Amino acid sequence: MSEKSAPFTYPDVGATRATMPDGYHRFRNRRPIGHGRDLFERAAAHILDFGIQKGVGTFRGADTETAQPGTELTVVLRIGPLNISAPCRVVYVLDEPDRRGFAYGTLPGHPEVGEELFAVEYDPTDDTVYGLITAFSRPGAWYVRLGGPVARLIQRWFTHRYLNTLPTSN
């Protein structure tokens, strides 16, 4: 883990809560995973326990068991023979009646610059539960800049895989 004093690598800390800033590649992937308050609670616990990252094998470690503001974690991006370490810090945790999750931001050494939100939402009007990943980023390392559109495709591929780790209705 990096030192707690290490600054985020971008000035727009917390921007995944509302309007994402200009100057970044932005994306949002929200899809239904099933129905029911029980599913919402299970999916929320999965997210807050770093289950998304563990489920796709990117989780290296964190300094707390569950996501909390200030938690430092490292994910590893495995692309072919490459293992790229990516240090992050939890920016905020969502703990609302119908929305739970957390966002982390990049720290020095991460190949990208930006923030990503992992959340689950419950719609009480029809009992639908949605998985949500929202992010803004731009290249932070030369090889990400060089990768251009391919790097974005890899990011979207990971997002799809992350959402696939969420529990679903039986």
C-alpha atoms as a PDB file:
ATOM      1  CA  MET A   1       0.000   0.000   0.000  1.00  0.00           C
ATOM      2  CA  SER A   2       1.136   3.558  -0.499  1.00  0.00           C
ATOM      3  CA  GLU A   3       1.652   6.014   2.301  1.00  0.00           C
ATOM      4  CA  LYS A   4      -1.521   7.664   3.610  1.00  0.00           C
ATOM      5  CA  SER A   5      -0.010  11.030   2.801  1.00  0.00           C
ATOM      6  CA  ALA A   6       0.257  10.219  -0.909  1.00  0.00           C
ATOM      7  CA  PRO A   7      -2.009  12.608  -2.788  1.00  0.00           C
ATOM      8  CA  PHE A   8      -4.615  11.523  -5.279  1.00  0.00           C
ATOM      9  CA  THR A   9      -3.325  11.872  -8.834  1.00  0.00           C
ATOM     10  CA  TYR A  10      -6.249  14.041  -9.976  1.00  0.00           C
ATOM     11  CA  PRO A  11      -7.898  17.207  -8.628  1.00  0.00           C
ATOM     12  CA  ASP A  12     -11.543  16.142  -9.068  1.00  0.00           C
ATOM     13  CA  VAL A  13     -11.764  13.914  -5.989  1.00  0.00           C
ATOM     14  CA  GLY A  14     -15.335  12.774  -5.341  1.00  0.00           C
ATOM     15  CA  ALA A  15     -16.689  13.774  -8.755  1.00  0.00           C
ATOM     16  CA  THR A  16     -18.275  10.342  -9.387  1.00  0.00           C
ATOM     17  CA  ARG A  17     -20.978  11.452  -6.899  1.00  0.00           C
ATOM     18  CA  ALA A  18     -22.455  13.969  -9.321  1.00  0.00           C
ATOM     19  CA  THR A  19     -21.299  15.617 -12.537  1.00  0.00           C
ATOM     20  CA  MET A  20     -18.095  14.097 -13.807  1.00  0.00           C
ATOM     21  CA  PRO A  21     -15.411  16.540 -14.931  1.00  0.00           C
ATOM     22  CA  ASP A  22     -14.401  17.421 -18.447  1.00  0.00           C
ATOM     23  CA  GLY A  23     -11.035  16.351 -19.793  1.00  0.00           C
ATOM     24  CA  TYR A  24     -11.466  12.657 -18.982  1.00  0.00           C
ATOM     25  CA  HIS A  25     -12.847   9.588 -20.688  1.00  0.00           C
ATOM     26  CA  ARG A  26     -16.147   9.053 -18.870  1.00  0.00           C
ATOM     27  CA  PHE A  27     -18.388   6.037 -18.788  1.00  0.00           C
ATOM     28  CA  ARG A  28     -21.310   4.566 -16.932  1.00  0.00           C
ATOM     29  CA  ASN A  29     -22.512   0.977 -17.000  1.00  0.00           C
ATOM     30  CA  ARG A  30     -25.773   0.271 -15.163  1.00  0.00           C
ATOM     31  CA  ARG A  31     -27.623  -2.975 -15.605  1.00  0.00           C
ATOM     32  CA  PRO A  32     -30.324  -4.930 -13.784  1.00  0.00           C
ATOM     33  CA  ILE A  33     -29.149  -7.933 -11.770  1.00  0.00           C
ATOM     34  CA  GLY A  34     -32.518  -9.046 -10.394  1.00  0.00           C
ATOM     35  CA  HIS A  35     -35.217  -8.112  -7.924  1.00  0.00           C
ATOM     36  CA  GLY A  36     -35.749  -7.764  -4.199  1.00  0.00           C
ATOM     37  CA  ARG A  37     -34.412  -6.043  -1.136  1.00  0.00           C
ATOM     38  CA  ASP A  38     -32.541  -9.216  -0.135  1.00  0.00           C
ATOM     39  CA  LEU A  39     -30.612  -9.190  -3.410  1.00  0.00           C
ATOM     40  CA  PHE A  40     -29.830  -5.505  -2.898  1.00  0.00           C
ATOM     41  CA  GLU A  41     -28.405  -6.229   0.575  1.00  0.00           C
ATOM     42  CA  ARG A  42     -26.320  -9.193  -0.666  1.00  0.00           C
ATOM     43  CA  ALA A  43     -24.968  -7.231  -3.631  1.00  0.00           C
ATOM     44  CA  ALA A  44     -24.127  -4.255  -1.398  1.00  0.00           C
ATOM     45  CA  ALA A  45     -22.185  -6.487   1.009  1.00  0.00           C
ATOM     46  CA  HIS A  46     -20.359  -8.046  -1.954  1.00  0.00           C
ATOM     47  CA  ILE A  47     -19.284  -4.628  -3.225  1.00  0.00           C
ATOM     48  CA  LEU A  48     -18.237  -3.265   0.170  1.00  0.00           C
ATOM     49  CA  ASP A  49     -16.155  -6.397   0.866  1.00  0.00           C
ATOM     50  CA  PHE A  50     -14.188  -5.790  -2.373  1.00  0.00           C
ATOM     51  CA  GLY A  51     -16.025  -8.788  -3.851  1.00  0.00           C
ATOM     52  CA  ILE A  52     -16.050  -7.266  -7.325  1.00  0.00           C
ATOM     53  CA  GLN A  53     -12.277  -6.941  -7.393  1.00  0.00           C
ATOM     54  CA  LYS A  54     -11.766 -10.331  -5.735  1.00  0.00           C
ATOM     55  CA  GLY A  55     -14.219 -11.951  -8.147  1.00  0.00           C
ATOM     56  CA  VAL A  56     -12.214 -11.002 -11.218  1.00  0.00           C
ATOM     57  CA  GLY A  57      -8.841 -11.600  -9.591  1.00  0.00           C
ATOM     58  CA  THR A  58      -7.663  -7.988  -9.536  1.00  0.00           C
ATOM     59  CA  PHE A  59      -7.634  -7.590  -5.729  1.00  0.00           C
ATOM     60  CA  ARG A  60      -4.150  -7.639  -4.208  1.00  0.00           C
ATOM     61  CA  GLY A  61      -4.976  -6.267  -0.764  1.00  0.00           C
ATOM     62  CA  ALA A  62      -6.441  -3.493   1.360  1.00  0.00           C
ATOM     63  CA  ASP A  63      -5.689  -2.050   4.761  1.00  0.00           C
ATOM     64  CA  THR A  64      -9.285  -2.630   5.980  1.00  0.00           C
ATOM     65  CA  GLU A  65     -11.617  -5.624   5.583  1.00  0.00           C
ATOM     66  CA  THR A  66     -14.381  -3.532   4.023  1.00  0.00           C
ATOM     67  CA  ALA A  67     -14.403  -0.306   2.041  1.00  0.00           C
ATOM     68  CA  GLN A  68     -14.210   2.765   4.263  1.00  0.00           C
ATOM     69  CA  PRO A  69     -13.233   6.340   3.427  1.00  0.00           C
ATOM     70  CA  GLY A  70      -9.429   6.399   3.383  1.00  0.00           C
ATOM     71  CA  THR A  71      -8.976   2.649   2.875  1.00  0.00           C
ATOM     72  CA  GLU A  72      -5.968   2.027   0.695  1.00  0.00           C
ATOM     73  CA  LEU A  73      -6.037  -0.894  -1.671  1.00  0.00           C
ATOM     74  CA  THR A  74      -4.038  -2.239  -4.540  1.00  0.00           C
ATOM     75  CA  VAL A  75      -5.505  -3.893  -7.572  1.00  0.00           C
ATOM     76  CA  VAL A  76      -3.464  -5.766 -10.137  1.00  0.00           C
ATOM     77  CA  LEU A  77      -4.341  -5.513 -13.787  1.00  0.00           C
ATOM     78  CA  ARG A  78      -3.330  -8.714 -15.535  1.00  0.00           C
ATOM     79  CA  ILE A  79      -3.219  -8.286 -19.277  1.00  0.00           C
ATOM     80  CA  GLY A  80      -1.565 -11.229 -20.960  1.00  0.00           C
ATOM     81  CA  PRO A  81       1.861 -11.678 -19.406  1.00  0.00           C
ATOM     82  CA  LEU A  82       1.764  -8.209 -17.787  1.00  0.00           C
ATOM     83  CA  ASN A  83       0.893  -7.629 -14.125  1.00  0.00           C
ATOM     84  CA  ILE A  84       0.392  -3.933 -13.477  1.00  0.00           C
ATOM     85  CA  SER A  85       0.037  -2.802  -9.867  1.00  0.00           C
ATOM     86  CA  ALA A  86      -2.520  -0.026  -9.373  1.00  0.00           C
ATOM     87  CA  PRO A  87      -2.714   1.694  -5.955  1.00  0.00           C
ATOM     88  CA  CYS A  88      -6.010   3.367  -4.999  1.00  0.00           C
ATOM     89  CA  ARG A  89      -7.738   4.974  -2.023  1.00  0.00           C
ATOM     90  CA  VAL A  90     -11.427   4.873  -1.157  1.00  0.00           C
ATOM     91  CA  VAL A  91     -12.776   8.391  -1.617  1.00  0.00           C
ATOM     92  CA  TYR A  92     -16.255   7.853  -0.185  1.00  0.00           C
ATOM     93  CA  VAL A  93     -18.740   5.153   0.741  1.00  0.00           C
ATOM     94  CA  LEU A  94     -22.393   5.299  -0.275  1.00  0.00           C
ATOM     95  CA  ASP A  95     -24.722   4.148   2.490  1.00  0.00           C
ATOM     96  CA  GLU A  96     -28.168   5.263   1.397  1.00  0.00           C
ATOM     97  CA  PRO A  97     -31.422   3.306   1.760  1.00  0.00           C
ATOM     98  CA  ASP A  98     -31.531   2.469  -1.963  1.00  0.00           C
ATOM     99  CA  ARG A  99     -27.906   2.974  -3.020  1.00  0.00           C
ATOM    100  CA  ARG A 100     -24.715   1.455  -1.627  1.00  0.00           C
ATOM    101  CA  GLY A 101     -21.133   1.132  -2.722  1.00  0.00           C
ATOM    102  CA  PHE A 102     -17.858   2.991  -2.800  1.00  0.00           C
ATOM    103  CA  ALA A 103     -15.596   4.975  -5.069  1.00  0.00           C
ATOM    104  CA  TYR A 104     -11.853   4.819  -5.209  1.00  0.00           C
ATOM    105  CA  GLY A 105      -9.395   7.212  -6.714  1.00  0.00           C
ATOM    106  CA  THR A 106      -5.972   6.677  -8.204  1.00  0.00           C
ATOM    107  CA  LEU A 107      -2.731   7.202  -6.305  1.00  0.00           C
ATOM    108  CA  PRO A 108       0.838   7.640  -7.606  1.00  0.00           C
ATOM    109  CA  GLY A 109       1.892   4.505  -9.472  1.00  0.00           C
ATOM    110  CA  HIS A 110      -1.555   3.777 -10.924  1.00  0.00           C
ATOM    111  CA  PRO A 111      -1.425   3.566 -14.744  1.00  0.00           C
ATOM    112  CA  GLU A 112      -4.502   5.786 -15.045  1.00  0.00           C
ATOM    113  CA  VAL A 113      -5.663   8.993 -13.424  1.00  0.00           C
ATOM    114  CA  GLY A 114      -9.221   9.206 -12.158  1.00  0.00           C
ATOM    115  CA  GLU A 115     -11.969   7.689 -10.079  1.00  0.00           C
ATOM    116  CA  GLU A 116     -14.328   4.734 -10.231  1.00  0.00           C
ATOM    117  CA  LEU A 117     -17.613   4.090  -8.410  1.00  0.00           C
ATOM    118  CA  PHE A 118     -18.851   0.555  -7.701  1.00  0.00           C
ATOM    119  CA  ALA A 119     -22.459   0.560  -6.508  1.00  0.00           C
ATOM    120  CA  VAL A 120     -25.757  -1.218  -6.348  1.00  0.00           C
ATOM    121  CA  GLU A 121     -29.108   0.566  -6.600  1.00  0.00           C
ATOM    122  CA  TYR A 122     -32.587  -0.545  -5.575  1.00  0.00           C
ATOM    123  CA  ASP A 123     -35.669   0.832  -7.318  1.00  0.00           C
ATOM    124  CA  PRO A 124     -38.569   0.538  -4.862  1.00  0.00           C
ATOM    125  CA  THR A 125     -41.133   1.289  -7.585  1.00  0.00           C
ATOM    126  CA  ASP A 126     -40.597  -2.087  -9.269  1.00  0.00           C
ATOM    127  CA  ASP A 127     -38.213  -3.927  -6.885  1.00  0.00           C
ATOM    128  CA  THR A 128     -35.389  -3.973  -9.488  1.00  0.00           C
ATOM    129  CA  VAL A 129     -31.767  -4.087  -8.350  1.00  0.00           C
ATOM    130  CA  TYR A 130     -29.081  -2.568 -10.582  1.00  0.00           C
ATOM    131  CA  GLY A 131     -25.327  -2.937 -10.590  1.00  0.00           C
ATOM    132  CA  LEU A 132     -23.565   0.317 -11.423  1.00  0.00           C
ATOM    133  CA  ILE A 133     -20.033   1.264 -12.340  1.00  0.00           C
ATOM    134  CA  THR A 134     -19.248   4.864 -13.162  1.00  0.00           C
ATOM    135  CA  ALA A 135     -15.804   6.226 -13.873  1.00  0.00           C
ATOM    136  CA  PHE A 136     -13.733   9.004 -15.311  1.00  0.00           C
ATOM    137  CA  SER A 137     -10.131   8.501 -16.265  1.00  0.00           C
ATOM    138  CA  ARG A 138      -7.288   9.477 -18.511  1.00  0.00           C
ATOM    139  CA  PRO A 139      -3.905   7.894 -19.124  1.00  0.00           C
ATOM    140  CA  GLY A 140      -1.384   8.270 -16.344  1.00  0.00           C
ATOM    141  CA  ALA A 141       1.376   6.105 -17.785  1.00  0.00           C
ATOM    142  CA  TRP A 142       3.012   6.196 -21.206  1.00  0.00           C
ATOM    143  CA  TYR A 143       1.843   2.695 -22.094  1.00  0.00           C
ATOM    144  CA  VAL A 144      -1.809   3.623 -21.415  1.00  0.00           C
ATOM    145  CA  ARG A 145      -1.443   6.705 -23.623  1.00  0.00           C
ATOM    146  CA  LEU A 146       0.146   4.523 -26.287  1.00  0.00           C
ATOM    147  CA  GLY A 147      -2.698   2.000 -25.955  1.00  0.00           C
ATOM    148  CA  GLY A 148      -5.333   4.665 -26.702  1.00  0.00           C
ATOM    149  CA  PRO A 149      -8.610   3.050 -27.754  1.00  0.00           C
ATOM    150  CA  VAL A 150      -7.385  -0.419 -26.786  1.00  0.00           C
ATOM    151  CA  ALA A 151      -6.915   0.764 -23.190  1.00  0.00           C
ATOM    152  CA  ARG A 152     -10.541   1.981 -23.173  1.00  0.00           C
ATOM    153  CA  LEU A 153     -11.737  -1.372 -24.495  1.00  0.00           C
ATOM    154  CA  ILE A 154      -9.830  -3.149 -21.732  1.00  0.00           C
ATOM    155  CA  GLN A 155     -11.402  -0.825 -19.156  1.00  0.00           C
ATOM    156  CA  ARG A 156     -14.905  -1.599 -20.486  1.00  0.00           C
ATOM    157  CA  TRP A 157     -14.096  -5.312 -20.542  1.00  0.00           C
ATOM    158  CA  PHE A 158     -13.126  -5.146 -16.859  1.00  0.00           C
ATOM    159  CA  THR A 159     -16.328  -3.236 -16.096  1.00  0.00           C
ATOM    160  CA  HIS A 160     -18.396  -5.988 -17.706  1.00  0.00           C
ATOM    161  CA  ARG A 161     -16.510  -8.633 -15.726  1.00  0.00           C
ATOM    162  CA  TYR A 162     -16.918  -6.649 -12.484  1.00  0.00           C
ATOM    163  CA  LEU A 163     -20.697  -6.508 -12.913  1.00  0.00           C
ATOM    164  CA  ASN A 164     -20.763 -10.246 -13.634  1.00  0.00           C
ATOM    165  CA  THR A 165     -19.446 -10.939 -10.112  1.00  0.00           C
ATOM    166  CA  LEU A 166     -22.562  -9.465  -8.494  1.00  0.00           C
ATOM    167  CA  PRO A 167     -25.090 -11.889  -7.027  1.00  0.00           C
ATOM    168  CA  THR A 168     -28.292 -12.247  -9.038  1.00  0.00           C
ATOM    169  CA  SER A 169     -31.869 -13.325  -8.341  1.00  0.00           C
ATOM    170  CA  ASN A 170     -32.348 -17.061  -8.207  1.00  0.00           C
END
